[in-house]
Amino acid sequence: MNKTKQVNYQSTNTYSTLNRLTEKTRNIWIVCHGIGFLSKYFINYFKDLKPDFNYVIAPQAPSKYYQTKAYKYVGASWLTKENRELETENVLNYLDAVLKNENLPTDKNIILMGFSQGVSVVTRWIAQRKINCDYLVLHSGSIPTEFNPDSFAHLPDLITTVIYGTEDEYLTQKKLNTQLNYANKIFPNPVKVITFEGKHEMSKQSLSDLFPSDDIETPDF
C-alpha cells in the first residue's frame, strides 16, 4: 500500500544582498522574486536605487529546476499546490532565518516587495508571522484569498502599492477589479496603484514612483 510519510531535516539556502547597510541607509528592501528567477539576478533590478540610501535583500526560492530541455538555464519556484501548507511553512521558516541572520535595525524604512509568485510569499509572511514593515509593494501578482482585515491589523500605518503592466497577459479587467477590491478590504489603508506600459515583467521605472526622490534616487533610464 502506498503511504506518504513526513520527516524533519535541516536545510541550507542562499540569499543575495545589494549595497551596504550603514548609518546612511534609509530604506531596507526585502524582495521576493517570481517563478523562474534566481535571487542573484533578480536583485539587479534594484541597482538604480541610490546605494547610500537603499539596502536590498533578495531571498532565494528553494526549489530550483532547469528551465528548458537544454539543461542550461536554472530557475526557481517558491512552492506549488502540492503540499502547499507544508511548503509554505518551510518557506516562512527560511524567511525567518534570513531576517534573523540580517539582524536589521529598527530605525529604517522596511519595504517588503513581491513580484508575481513573490506576492503570495511576502503577504503570507507578513500575515502569519506578524512581520513589521512600513511599505508593501505587490508587483504583478495575485494576493492569496485566505486573508481578512485582521491579517494585517498589526500594521495600522502600512502603505500598500499595487504595480502592474497594462499589457499583462495574465491579467484581465475582471481579475484586476477583484484584486483591487480585495486589497482595499484586507489592508488597513487604501492601496496606491501604479501602472506601466508592459507585460508580465518587472518594471524598474515604477520603483522611482514609489517614494520621494530624497529617499530613492529617480533613475535615469
N, C-alpha and C. Protein backbone atom coordinates (compact mmCIF):
# COMPACT_ATOMS: atom_id res chain seq x y z
N MET A 1 0.84 -1.20 0.00
CA MET A 1 0.00 0.00 0.00
C MET A 1 0.87 1.25 0.00
N ASN A 2 0.56 2.19 -0.88
CA ASN A 2 1.30 3.43 -1.00
C ASN A 2 0.94 4.36 0.16
N LYS A 3 1.95 4.85 0.87
CA LYS A 3 1.70 5.73 2.01
C LYS A 3 2.71 6.87 2.01
N THR A 4 2.23 8.09 2.24
CA THR A 4 3.10 9.26 2.32
C THR A 4 3.46 9.54 3.77
N LYS A 5 4.75 9.65 4.03
CA LYS A 5 5.24 9.95 5.38
C LYS A 5 5.95 11.30 5.37
N GLN A 6 6.31 11.75 6.52
CA GLN A 6 6.93 13.07 6.67
C GLN A 6 8.14 12.96 7.58
N VAL A 7 9.19 13.74 7.25
CA VAL A 7 10.41 13.75 8.05
C VAL A 7 10.92 15.18 8.17
N ASN A 8 11.48 15.50 9.30
CA ASN A 8 12.10 16.81 9.51
C ASN A 8 13.61 16.70 9.31
N TYR A 9 14.19 17.69 8.67
CA TYR A 9 15.64 17.72 8.48
C TYR A 9 16.09 19.16 8.34
N GLN A 10 17.38 19.39 8.50
CA GLN A 10 17.92 20.75 8.37
C GLN A 10 18.33 21.01 6.93
N SER A 11 17.99 22.20 6.44
CA SER A 11 18.34 22.56 5.08
C SER A 11 19.04 23.91 5.07
N THR A 12 19.90 24.14 4.07
CA THR A 12 20.64 25.39 3.93
C THR A 12 20.33 26.00 2.58
N ASN A 13 20.12 27.31 2.57
CA ASN A 13 19.82 28.01 1.33
C ASN A 13 20.57 29.34 1.31
N THR A 14 20.68 29.94 0.14
CA THR A 14 21.38 31.21 -0.01
C THR A 14 20.38 32.36 -0.11
N TYR A 15 20.88 33.58 -0.10
CA TYR A 15 20.12 34.77 -0.46
C TYR A 15 21.11 35.83 -0.90
N SER A 16 20.64 36.86 -1.58
CA SER A 16 21.52 37.88 -2.14
C SER A 16 21.26 39.23 -1.49
N THR A 17 22.29 40.06 -1.44
CA THR A 17 22.14 41.43 -0.93
C THR A 17 22.78 42.40 -1.89
N LEU A 18 22.34 43.65 -1.83
CA LEU A 18 22.86 44.71 -2.69
C LEU A 18 23.14 45.94 -1.85
N ASN A 19 24.32 46.52 -2.00
CA ASN A 19 24.76 47.70 -1.26
C ASN A 19 25.13 47.32 0.18
N ARG A 20 25.49 48.31 0.99
CA ARG A 20 25.90 48.07 2.36
C ARG A 20 24.89 48.71 3.31
N LEU A 21 24.65 48.04 4.42
CA LEU A 21 23.78 48.58 5.47
C LEU A 21 24.63 49.43 6.40
N THR A 22 24.40 50.74 6.38
CA THR A 22 25.18 51.68 7.18
C THR A 22 24.24 52.65 7.89
N GLU A 23 24.84 53.60 8.60
CA GLU A 23 24.04 54.63 9.26
C GLU A 23 23.30 55.51 8.24
N LYS A 24 23.83 55.61 7.03
CA LYS A 24 23.19 56.42 6.00
C LYS A 24 21.98 55.74 5.38
N THR A 25 21.89 54.45 5.55
CA THR A 25 20.79 53.70 4.94
C THR A 25 19.45 54.22 5.45
N ARG A 26 18.53 54.46 4.54
CA ARG A 26 17.18 54.90 4.91
C ARG A 26 16.14 53.81 4.68
N ASN A 27 16.35 53.02 3.62
CA ASN A 27 15.36 52.02 3.24
C ASN A 27 15.97 50.63 3.18
N ILE A 28 15.33 49.68 3.81
CA ILE A 28 15.73 48.28 3.71
C ILE A 28 14.65 47.54 2.94
N TRP A 29 15.03 46.99 1.82
CA TRP A 29 14.11 46.24 0.96
C TRP A 29 14.29 44.75 1.18
N ILE A 30 13.19 44.03 1.30
CA ILE A 30 13.21 42.57 1.24
C ILE A 30 12.33 42.21 0.06
N VAL A 31 12.94 41.66 -1.00
CA VAL A 31 12.24 41.50 -2.27
C VAL A 31 12.22 40.02 -2.69
N CYS A 32 11.03 39.52 -2.95
CA CYS A 32 10.86 38.11 -3.32
C CYS A 32 10.53 38.00 -4.80
N HIS A 33 11.32 37.25 -5.52
CA HIS A 33 11.20 37.12 -6.96
C HIS A 33 10.03 36.21 -7.36
N GLY A 34 9.78 36.14 -8.65
CA GLY A 34 8.75 35.28 -9.19
C GLY A 34 9.32 33.97 -9.71
N ILE A 35 8.45 33.14 -10.26
CA ILE A 35 8.87 31.85 -10.81
C ILE A 35 9.88 32.06 -11.94
N GLY A 36 10.92 31.26 -11.91
CA GLY A 36 11.92 31.29 -12.98
C GLY A 36 13.13 32.14 -12.68
N PHE A 37 13.07 32.96 -11.63
CA PHE A 37 14.20 33.82 -11.28
C PHE A 37 15.16 33.11 -10.32
N LEU A 38 16.35 33.62 -10.25
CA LEU A 38 17.29 33.38 -9.15
C LEU A 38 17.55 34.72 -8.50
N SER A 39 17.71 34.73 -7.18
CA SER A 39 17.85 35.99 -6.46
C SER A 39 19.05 36.80 -6.92
N LYS A 40 20.14 36.13 -7.30
CA LYS A 40 21.35 36.85 -7.69
C LYS A 40 21.16 37.64 -8.98
N TYR A 41 20.18 37.25 -9.79
CA TYR A 41 19.85 38.02 -10.99
C TYR A 41 18.70 38.98 -10.74
N PHE A 42 17.71 38.55 -9.98
CA PHE A 42 16.56 39.39 -9.69
C PHE A 42 16.97 40.67 -9.00
N ILE A 43 17.96 40.60 -8.15
CA ILE A 43 18.37 41.78 -7.38
C ILE A 43 18.94 42.88 -8.26
N ASN A 44 19.33 42.54 -9.48
CA ASN A 44 19.87 43.55 -10.38
C ASN A 44 18.83 44.61 -10.78
N TYR A 45 17.54 44.28 -10.65
CA TYR A 45 16.50 45.26 -10.96
C TYR A 45 16.55 46.45 -10.01
N PHE A 46 17.26 46.33 -8.91
CA PHE A 46 17.27 47.37 -7.88
C PHE A 46 18.59 48.15 -7.87
N LYS A 47 19.42 47.95 -8.87
CA LYS A 47 20.72 48.61 -8.91
C LYS A 47 20.64 50.11 -9.12
N ASP A 48 19.51 50.60 -9.66
CA ASP A 48 19.38 52.03 -9.89
C ASP A 48 18.96 52.80 -8.64
N LEU A 49 18.62 52.09 -7.57
CA LEU A 49 18.32 52.76 -6.31
C LEU A 49 19.61 53.35 -5.74
N LYS A 50 19.50 54.49 -5.13
CA LYS A 50 20.70 55.16 -4.62
C LYS A 50 21.40 54.28 -3.59
N PRO A 51 22.63 53.86 -3.81
CA PRO A 51 23.30 52.89 -2.94
C PRO A 51 23.42 53.31 -1.48
N ASP A 52 23.68 54.60 -1.25
CA ASP A 52 23.85 55.05 0.13
C ASP A 52 22.57 54.93 0.94
N PHE A 53 21.42 55.02 0.28
CA PHE A 53 20.14 55.07 0.99
C PHE A 53 19.39 53.75 1.01
N ASN A 54 19.75 52.81 0.15
CA ASN A 54 18.96 51.60 -0.02
C ASN A 54 19.79 50.33 0.12
N TYR A 55 19.37 49.49 1.03
CA TYR A 55 19.97 48.17 1.22
C TYR A 55 18.93 47.13 0.82
N VAL A 56 19.30 46.24 -0.08
CA VAL A 56 18.34 45.31 -0.66
C VAL A 56 18.70 43.87 -0.30
N ILE A 57 17.70 43.12 0.14
CA ILE A 57 17.85 41.70 0.46
C ILE A 57 16.91 40.92 -0.45
N ALA A 58 17.46 39.97 -1.19
CA ALA A 58 16.65 39.16 -2.10
C ALA A 58 16.74 37.69 -1.69
N PRO A 59 15.74 37.19 -0.98
CA PRO A 59 15.72 35.77 -0.63
C PRO A 59 15.65 34.89 -1.89
N GLN A 60 16.12 33.66 -1.75
CA GLN A 60 16.14 32.73 -2.86
C GLN A 60 15.11 31.62 -2.68
N ALA A 61 14.19 31.50 -3.64
CA ALA A 61 13.23 30.39 -3.60
C ALA A 61 13.98 29.06 -3.60
N PRO A 62 13.52 28.10 -2.80
CA PRO A 62 14.31 26.88 -2.57
C PRO A 62 14.26 25.85 -3.69
N SER A 63 13.19 25.81 -4.47
CA SER A 63 13.02 24.74 -5.46
C SER A 63 13.57 25.17 -6.80
N LYS A 64 14.72 24.65 -7.17
CA LYS A 64 15.38 25.04 -8.42
C LYS A 64 15.18 23.97 -9.49
N TYR A 65 15.18 24.41 -10.74
CA TYR A 65 14.93 23.49 -11.85
C TYR A 65 15.53 24.06 -13.13
N TYR A 66 15.78 23.17 -14.10
CA TYR A 66 16.22 23.62 -15.42
C TYR A 66 15.01 24.11 -16.20
N GLN A 67 15.14 25.28 -16.83
CA GLN A 67 14.01 25.90 -17.47
C GLN A 67 13.69 25.32 -18.85
N THR A 68 14.66 24.72 -19.50
CA THR A 68 14.43 24.10 -20.81
C THR A 68 15.12 22.74 -20.84
N LYS A 69 14.83 21.99 -21.89
CA LYS A 69 15.45 20.67 -22.05
C LYS A 69 16.92 20.75 -22.43
N ALA A 70 17.41 21.96 -22.66
CA ALA A 70 18.84 22.15 -22.90
C ALA A 70 19.63 22.05 -21.60
N TYR A 71 18.93 22.07 -20.46
CA TYR A 71 19.56 21.93 -19.13
C TYR A 71 20.70 22.94 -18.93
N LYS A 72 20.42 24.17 -19.31
CA LYS A 72 21.43 25.23 -19.19
C LYS A 72 21.01 26.30 -18.20
N TYR A 73 19.79 26.81 -18.36
CA TYR A 73 19.33 27.91 -17.53
C TYR A 73 18.51 27.40 -16.36
N VAL A 74 18.86 27.90 -15.17
CA VAL A 74 18.22 27.44 -13.94
C VAL A 74 17.27 28.52 -13.43
N GLY A 75 16.09 28.11 -13.04
CA GLY A 75 15.13 28.99 -12.39
C GLY A 75 14.73 28.40 -11.06
N ALA A 76 13.81 29.09 -10.38
CA ALA A 76 13.39 28.61 -9.06
C ALA A 76 11.93 28.95 -8.82
N SER A 77 11.32 28.20 -7.92
CA SER A 77 9.93 28.41 -7.54
C SER A 77 9.81 28.34 -6.03
N TRP A 78 8.90 29.15 -5.47
CA TRP A 78 8.72 29.16 -4.02
C TRP A 78 7.93 27.94 -3.54
N LEU A 79 6.86 27.61 -4.25
CA LEU A 79 6.04 26.48 -3.86
C LEU A 79 5.03 26.20 -4.97
N THR A 80 4.33 25.08 -4.86
CA THR A 80 3.27 24.73 -5.82
C THR A 80 2.04 24.32 -5.01
N LYS A 81 1.02 23.84 -5.69
CA LYS A 81 -0.19 23.38 -5.00
C LYS A 81 0.05 22.06 -4.27
N GLU A 82 1.14 21.37 -4.59
CA GLU A 82 1.45 20.11 -3.92
C GLU A 82 1.95 20.37 -2.51
N ASN A 83 1.25 19.82 -1.51
CA ASN A 83 1.63 20.02 -0.10
C ASN A 83 1.84 21.51 0.22
N ARG A 84 0.90 22.33 -0.22
CA ARG A 84 1.07 23.78 -0.13
C ARG A 84 1.28 24.26 1.30
N GLU A 85 0.50 23.76 2.24
CA GLU A 85 0.64 24.24 3.62
C GLU A 85 2.02 23.91 4.18
N LEU A 86 2.50 22.69 3.92
CA LEU A 86 3.82 22.29 4.40
C LEU A 86 4.91 23.12 3.74
N GLU A 87 4.82 23.28 2.42
CA GLU A 87 5.84 24.04 1.71
C GLU A 87 5.82 25.51 2.11
N THR A 88 4.62 26.05 2.37
CA THR A 88 4.54 27.44 2.84
C THR A 88 5.25 27.60 4.17
N GLU A 89 5.05 26.66 5.07
CA GLU A 89 5.72 26.72 6.37
C GLU A 89 7.23 26.65 6.20
N ASN A 90 7.71 25.80 5.29
CA ASN A 90 9.14 25.72 5.03
C ASN A 90 9.69 27.04 4.51
N VAL A 91 8.96 27.67 3.60
CA VAL A 91 9.39 28.95 3.05
C VAL A 91 9.41 30.03 4.13
N LEU A 92 8.39 30.06 4.97
CA LEU A 92 8.34 31.07 6.03
C LEU A 92 9.45 30.85 7.06
N ASN A 93 9.76 29.61 7.34
CA ASN A 93 10.88 29.32 8.25
C ASN A 93 12.19 29.84 7.66
N TYR A 94 12.35 29.68 6.35
CA TYR A 94 13.55 30.18 5.68
C TYR A 94 13.62 31.71 5.76
N LEU A 95 12.50 32.38 5.48
CA LEU A 95 12.49 33.85 5.56
C LEU A 95 12.75 34.33 6.98
N ASP A 96 12.23 33.61 7.96
CA ASP A 96 12.52 33.94 9.36
C ASP A 96 14.02 33.87 9.62
N ALA A 97 14.67 32.85 9.05
CA ALA A 97 16.10 32.67 9.25
C ALA A 97 16.90 33.79 8.58
N VAL A 98 16.46 34.22 7.39
CA VAL A 98 17.12 35.34 6.72
C VAL A 98 17.01 36.60 7.57
N LEU A 99 15.82 36.87 8.07
CA LEU A 99 15.60 38.06 8.90
C LEU A 99 16.46 38.02 10.16
N LYS A 100 16.53 36.86 10.79
CA LYS A 100 17.34 36.72 11.99
C LYS A 100 18.82 36.91 11.68
N ASN A 101 19.26 36.38 10.55
CA ASN A 101 20.66 36.48 10.17
C ASN A 101 21.08 37.92 9.89
N GLU A 102 20.15 38.71 9.32
CA GLU A 102 20.48 40.09 8.98
C GLU A 102 20.45 41.01 10.20
N ASN A 103 19.66 40.66 11.22
CA ASN A 103 19.61 41.45 12.45
C ASN A 103 19.44 42.94 12.14
N LEU A 104 18.35 43.26 11.46
CA LEU A 104 18.14 44.59 10.93
C LEU A 104 17.84 45.62 12.01
N PRO A 105 18.30 46.86 11.83
CA PRO A 105 17.97 47.94 12.78
C PRO A 105 16.50 48.32 12.67
N THR A 106 15.99 48.99 13.67
CA THR A 106 14.57 49.34 13.70
C THR A 106 14.30 50.79 13.31
N ASP A 107 15.35 51.53 12.96
CA ASP A 107 15.18 52.95 12.65
C ASP A 107 15.20 53.23 11.15
N LYS A 108 14.95 52.21 10.34
CA LYS A 108 14.93 52.37 8.88
C LYS A 108 13.53 52.06 8.35
N ASN A 109 13.25 52.55 7.15
CA ASN A 109 12.03 52.15 6.46
C ASN A 109 12.17 50.71 6.00
N ILE A 110 11.21 49.88 6.33
CA ILE A 110 11.23 48.49 5.89
C ILE A 110 10.22 48.34 4.75
N ILE A 111 10.72 47.92 3.60
CA ILE A 111 9.89 47.76 2.40
C ILE A 111 9.89 46.30 2.00
N LEU A 112 8.73 45.68 2.00
CA LEU A 112 8.59 44.31 1.53
C LEU A 112 7.96 44.33 0.15
N MET A 113 8.58 43.62 -0.77
CA MET A 113 8.09 43.62 -2.14
C MET A 113 8.04 42.20 -2.68
N GLY A 114 6.95 41.88 -3.37
CA GLY A 114 6.85 40.60 -4.06
C GLY A 114 6.53 40.84 -5.51
N PHE A 115 7.22 40.10 -6.38
CA PHE A 115 6.91 40.14 -7.81
C PHE A 115 6.30 38.80 -8.22
N SER A 116 5.16 38.84 -8.90
CA SER A 116 4.49 37.63 -9.39
C SER A 116 4.25 36.66 -8.24
N GLN A 117 4.83 35.46 -8.28
CA GLN A 117 4.62 34.50 -7.19
C GLN A 117 5.11 35.03 -5.86
N GLY A 118 6.05 35.95 -5.89
CA GLY A 118 6.57 36.53 -4.66
C GLY A 118 5.53 37.31 -3.88
N VAL A 119 4.43 37.73 -4.54
CA VAL A 119 3.36 38.44 -3.84
C VAL A 119 2.73 37.54 -2.78
N SER A 120 2.45 36.29 -3.13
CA SER A 120 1.86 35.37 -2.15
C SER A 120 2.82 35.07 -1.02
N VAL A 121 4.12 35.06 -1.33
CA VAL A 121 5.12 34.77 -0.31
C VAL A 121 5.20 35.88 0.72
N VAL A 122 5.34 37.13 0.27
CA VAL A 122 5.52 38.23 1.23
C VAL A 122 4.24 38.49 2.03
N THR A 123 3.08 38.37 1.39
CA THR A 123 1.84 38.63 2.13
C THR A 123 1.59 37.56 3.18
N ARG A 124 1.85 36.31 2.86
CA ARG A 124 1.68 35.24 3.86
C ARG A 124 2.70 35.39 4.99
N TRP A 125 3.90 35.81 4.66
CA TRP A 125 4.93 36.01 5.69
C TRP A 125 4.50 37.11 6.66
N ILE A 126 4.04 38.23 6.13
CA ILE A 126 3.58 39.33 6.98
C ILE A 126 2.43 38.89 7.86
N ALA A 127 1.44 38.24 7.25
CA ALA A 127 0.22 37.89 7.98
C ALA A 127 0.44 36.80 9.01
N GLN A 128 1.17 35.76 8.64
CA GLN A 128 1.33 34.63 9.55
C GLN A 128 2.38 34.85 10.62
N ARG A 129 3.40 35.62 10.31
CA ARG A 129 4.48 35.86 11.27
C ARG A 129 4.38 37.24 11.92
N LYS A 130 3.40 38.03 11.51
CA LYS A 130 3.22 39.40 12.03
C LYS A 130 4.51 40.21 11.88
N ILE A 131 5.03 40.18 10.66
CA ILE A 131 6.25 40.91 10.34
C ILE A 131 5.95 42.40 10.31
N ASN A 132 6.86 43.19 10.84
CA ASN A 132 6.71 44.64 10.81
C ASN A 132 7.32 45.22 9.54
N CYS A 133 6.58 46.07 8.86
CA CYS A 133 7.11 46.77 7.71
C CYS A 133 6.32 48.07 7.53
N ASP A 134 6.92 49.00 6.81
CA ASP A 134 6.30 50.29 6.58
C ASP A 134 5.60 50.36 5.23
N TYR A 135 6.20 49.68 4.25
CA TYR A 135 5.67 49.70 2.90
C TYR A 135 5.55 48.27 2.37
N LEU A 136 4.48 48.01 1.65
CA LEU A 136 4.28 46.73 1.00
C LEU A 136 4.03 47.00 -0.48
N VAL A 137 4.85 46.37 -1.34
CA VAL A 137 4.75 46.57 -2.78
C VAL A 137 4.38 45.24 -3.43
N LEU A 138 3.24 45.21 -4.11
CA LEU A 138 2.74 44.00 -4.75
C LEU A 138 2.81 44.20 -6.26
N HIS A 139 3.78 43.56 -6.88
CA HIS A 139 4.08 43.79 -8.29
C HIS A 139 3.66 42.59 -9.13
N SER A 140 2.61 42.78 -9.93
CA SER A 140 2.19 41.79 -10.94
C SER A 140 1.95 40.40 -10.36
N GLY A 141 1.27 40.33 -9.24
CA GLY A 141 0.98 39.04 -8.63
C GLY A 141 -0.38 39.03 -7.96
N SER A 142 -0.87 37.83 -7.67
CA SER A 142 -2.18 37.66 -7.04
C SER A 142 -2.04 37.52 -5.53
N ILE A 143 -2.92 38.18 -4.81
CA ILE A 143 -2.94 38.09 -3.35
C ILE A 143 -3.70 36.83 -2.96
N PRO A 144 -3.15 35.98 -2.09
CA PRO A 144 -3.88 34.79 -1.65
C PRO A 144 -5.24 35.14 -1.06
N THR A 145 -6.18 34.22 -1.18
CA THR A 145 -7.57 34.51 -0.83
C THR A 145 -7.90 34.29 0.64
N GLU A 146 -6.93 33.86 1.45
CA GLU A 146 -7.27 33.48 2.82
C GLU A 146 -7.24 34.64 3.81
N PHE A 147 -6.94 35.86 3.36
CA PHE A 147 -6.77 36.98 4.28
C PHE A 147 -8.08 37.68 4.60
N ASN A 148 -8.07 38.39 5.73
CA ASN A 148 -9.16 39.28 6.12
C ASN A 148 -8.53 40.49 6.80
N PRO A 149 -9.29 41.50 7.17
CA PRO A 149 -8.69 42.70 7.77
C PRO A 149 -7.85 42.44 9.01
N ASP A 150 -8.13 41.37 9.74
CA ASP A 150 -7.32 41.05 10.92
C ASP A 150 -5.92 40.59 10.55
N SER A 151 -5.74 40.11 9.32
CA SER A 151 -4.45 39.58 8.89
C SER A 151 -3.35 40.63 8.94
N PHE A 152 -3.70 41.88 8.69
CA PHE A 152 -2.70 42.94 8.63
C PHE A 152 -3.01 44.06 9.64
N ALA A 153 -3.84 43.75 10.62
CA ALA A 153 -4.24 44.76 11.60
C ALA A 153 -3.09 45.23 12.48
N HIS A 154 -2.00 44.43 12.55
CA HIS A 154 -0.84 44.81 13.37
C HIS A 154 -0.02 45.91 12.71
N LEU A 155 -0.42 46.31 11.48
CA LEU A 155 0.30 47.35 10.74
C LEU A 155 -0.68 48.47 10.35
N PRO A 156 -1.18 49.23 11.31
CA PRO A 156 -2.21 50.25 11.01
C PRO A 156 -1.75 51.34 10.06
N ASP A 157 -0.44 51.59 9.98
CA ASP A 157 0.08 52.65 9.12
C ASP A 157 0.66 52.13 7.81
N LEU A 158 0.45 50.86 7.52
CA LEU A 158 1.03 50.24 6.33
C LEU A 158 0.60 50.96 5.05
N ILE A 159 1.57 51.25 4.20
CA ILE A 159 1.31 51.83 2.89
C ILE A 159 1.51 50.74 1.84
N THR A 160 0.44 50.41 1.13
CA THR A 160 0.47 49.32 0.16
C THR A 160 0.33 49.86 -1.25
N THR A 161 1.20 49.39 -2.14
CA THR A 161 1.16 49.80 -3.54
C THR A 161 1.05 48.58 -4.44
N VAL A 162 0.14 48.64 -5.39
CA VAL A 162 -0.02 47.60 -6.40
C VAL A 162 0.55 48.11 -7.72
N ILE A 163 1.44 47.32 -8.33
CA ILE A 163 2.05 47.68 -9.62
C ILE A 163 1.69 46.60 -10.63
N TYR A 164 1.31 47.01 -11.83
CA TYR A 164 1.05 46.02 -12.87
C TYR A 164 1.23 46.65 -14.25
N GLY A 165 1.52 45.80 -15.23
CA GLY A 165 1.66 46.24 -16.61
C GLY A 165 0.31 46.26 -17.30
N THR A 166 0.07 47.27 -18.11
CA THR A 166 -1.22 47.41 -18.79
C THR A 166 -1.43 46.32 -19.84
N GLU A 167 -0.37 45.61 -20.22
CA GLU A 167 -0.49 44.53 -21.21
C GLU A 167 -0.16 43.17 -20.58
N ASP A 168 -0.29 43.06 -19.27
CA ASP A 168 0.00 41.80 -18.58
C ASP A 168 -0.92 40.70 -19.12
N GLU A 169 -0.30 39.65 -19.67
CA GLU A 169 -1.07 38.59 -20.31
C GLU A 169 -1.82 37.71 -19.32
N TYR A 170 -1.50 37.83 -18.03
CA TYR A 170 -2.19 37.04 -17.01
C TYR A 170 -3.30 37.83 -16.31
N LEU A 171 -3.51 39.06 -16.74
CA LEU A 171 -4.42 39.94 -16.03
C LEU A 171 -5.58 40.36 -16.93
N THR A 172 -6.79 40.11 -16.45
CA THR A 172 -7.99 40.60 -17.12
C THR A 172 -8.57 41.75 -16.30
N GLN A 173 -9.45 42.52 -16.90
CA GLN A 173 -10.06 43.63 -16.17
C GLN A 173 -10.87 43.13 -14.99
N LYS A 174 -11.55 41.99 -15.18
CA LYS A 174 -12.34 41.42 -14.09
C LYS A 174 -11.45 41.00 -12.93
N LYS A 175 -10.33 40.34 -13.24
CA LYS A 175 -9.41 39.92 -12.20
C LYS A 175 -8.79 41.12 -11.49
N LEU A 176 -8.45 42.14 -12.27
CA LEU A 176 -7.87 43.36 -11.69
C LEU A 176 -8.85 44.01 -10.72
N ASN A 177 -10.10 44.15 -11.12
CA ASN A 177 -11.10 44.76 -10.24
C ASN A 177 -11.29 43.96 -8.97
N THR A 178 -11.32 42.62 -9.12
CA THR A 178 -11.48 41.75 -7.95
C THR A 178 -10.31 41.90 -7.00
N GLN A 179 -9.09 41.93 -7.55
CA GLN A 179 -7.89 42.05 -6.72
C GLN A 179 -7.83 43.39 -5.98
N LEU A 180 -8.17 44.46 -6.68
CA LEU A 180 -8.11 45.78 -6.04
C LEU A 180 -9.18 45.93 -4.97
N ASN A 181 -10.36 45.41 -5.23
CA ASN A 181 -11.42 45.45 -4.21
C ASN A 181 -11.01 44.64 -2.98
N TYR A 182 -10.46 43.49 -3.23
CA TYR A 182 -9.99 42.62 -2.14
C TYR A 182 -8.88 43.29 -1.34
N ALA A 183 -7.92 43.89 -2.05
CA ALA A 183 -6.81 44.56 -1.39
C ALA A 183 -7.30 45.69 -0.49
N ASN A 184 -8.26 46.44 -0.95
CA ASN A 184 -8.77 47.56 -0.16
C ASN A 184 -9.59 47.11 1.04
N LYS A 185 -10.02 45.86 1.03
CA LYS A 185 -10.74 45.31 2.18
C LYS A 185 -9.80 44.78 3.25
N ILE A 186 -8.69 44.16 2.84
CA ILE A 186 -7.83 43.46 3.82
C ILE A 186 -6.71 44.34 4.36
N PHE A 187 -6.26 45.32 3.60
CA PHE A 187 -5.17 46.16 4.07
C PHE A 187 -5.72 47.36 4.84
N PRO A 188 -4.97 47.88 5.81
CA PRO A 188 -5.52 48.90 6.71
C PRO A 188 -5.76 50.25 6.05
N ASN A 189 -5.12 50.51 4.92
CA ASN A 189 -5.28 51.80 4.23
C ASN A 189 -5.51 51.57 2.74
N PRO A 190 -6.17 52.52 2.06
CA PRO A 190 -6.41 52.36 0.62
C PRO A 190 -5.10 52.14 -0.14
N VAL A 191 -5.14 51.23 -1.09
CA VAL A 191 -3.92 50.91 -1.84
C VAL A 191 -3.67 51.96 -2.92
N LYS A 192 -2.40 52.20 -3.18
CA LYS A 192 -1.98 53.04 -4.28
C LYS A 192 -1.73 52.15 -5.49
N VAL A 193 -2.06 52.63 -6.67
CA VAL A 193 -1.90 51.83 -7.89
C VAL A 193 -0.93 52.54 -8.84
N ILE A 194 0.06 51.80 -9.32
CA ILE A 194 1.00 52.30 -10.33
C ILE A 194 0.95 51.36 -11.53
N THR A 195 0.76 51.92 -12.71
CA THR A 195 0.75 51.11 -13.92
C THR A 195 1.92 51.50 -14.82
N PHE A 196 2.29 50.57 -15.67
CA PHE A 196 3.33 50.85 -16.66
C PHE A 196 2.96 50.15 -17.96
N GLU A 197 3.48 50.64 -19.05
CA GLU A 197 3.24 50.02 -20.35
C GLU A 197 4.15 48.81 -20.48
N GLY A 198 3.57 47.62 -20.39
CA GLY A 198 4.38 46.42 -20.47
C GLY A 198 3.58 45.19 -20.11
N LYS A 199 4.23 44.06 -20.26
CA LYS A 199 3.58 42.77 -20.00
C LYS A 199 3.87 42.32 -18.57
N HIS A 200 3.86 41.00 -18.35
CA HIS A 200 4.12 40.44 -17.02
C HIS A 200 5.63 40.44 -16.80
N GLU A 201 6.13 41.58 -16.34
CA GLU A 201 7.57 41.77 -16.21
C GLU A 201 7.85 42.79 -15.12
N MET A 202 9.07 42.74 -14.60
CA MET A 202 9.48 43.72 -13.60
C MET A 202 9.64 45.08 -14.24
N SER A 203 9.19 46.11 -13.56
CA SER A 203 9.31 47.48 -14.06
C SER A 203 10.22 48.28 -13.13
N LYS A 204 11.45 48.51 -13.57
CA LYS A 204 12.36 49.33 -12.77
C LYS A 204 11.88 50.77 -12.70
N GLN A 205 11.27 51.24 -13.77
CA GLN A 205 10.79 52.61 -13.79
C GLN A 205 9.76 52.86 -12.69
N SER A 206 8.92 51.86 -12.42
CA SER A 206 7.87 52.04 -11.41
C SER A 206 8.44 52.22 -10.02
N LEU A 207 9.64 51.72 -9.78
CA LEU A 207 10.25 51.88 -8.46
C LEU A 207 10.48 53.35 -8.13
N SER A 208 10.74 54.14 -9.16
CA SER A 208 11.00 55.56 -8.93
C SER A 208 9.74 56.32 -8.55
N ASP A 209 8.57 55.71 -8.77
CA ASP A 209 7.31 56.37 -8.45
C ASP A 209 6.80 56.04 -7.04
N LEU A 210 7.52 55.19 -6.33
CA LEU A 210 7.03 54.71 -5.04
C LEU A 210 7.17 55.72 -3.92
N PHE A 211 8.33 56.37 -3.84
CA PHE A 211 8.66 57.19 -2.70
C PHE A 211 9.28 58.51 -3.14
N PRO A 212 9.39 59.49 -2.24
CA PRO A 212 10.00 60.76 -2.58
C PRO A 212 11.44 60.58 -3.06
N SER A 213 11.88 61.48 -3.93
CA SER A 213 13.19 61.34 -4.54
C SER A 213 14.34 61.51 -3.55
N ASP A 214 14.08 62.07 -2.37
CA ASP A 214 15.16 62.19 -1.40
C ASP A 214 15.42 60.86 -0.71
N ASP A 215 14.47 59.93 -0.81
CA ASP A 215 14.66 58.61 -0.24
C ASP A 215 15.23 57.64 -1.28
N ILE A 216 14.71 57.76 -2.50
CA ILE A 216 15.14 56.87 -3.56
C ILE A 216 15.48 57.72 -4.78
N GLU A 217 16.66 57.52 -5.30
CA GLU A 217 17.10 58.31 -6.45
C GLU A 217 16.23 57.97 -7.65
N THR A 218 15.77 59.02 -8.34
CA THR A 218 14.99 58.79 -9.55
C THR A 218 15.94 58.29 -10.64
N PRO A 219 15.79 57.06 -11.09
CA PRO A 219 16.73 56.51 -12.08
C PRO A 219 16.61 57.23 -13.41
N ASP A 220 17.70 57.30 -14.12
CA ASP A 220 17.71 57.87 -15.46
C ASP A 220 17.79 56.73 -16.44
N PHE A 221 16.63 56.34 -16.99
CA PHE A 221 16.59 55.24 -17.95
C PHE A 221 16.72 55.77 -19.36
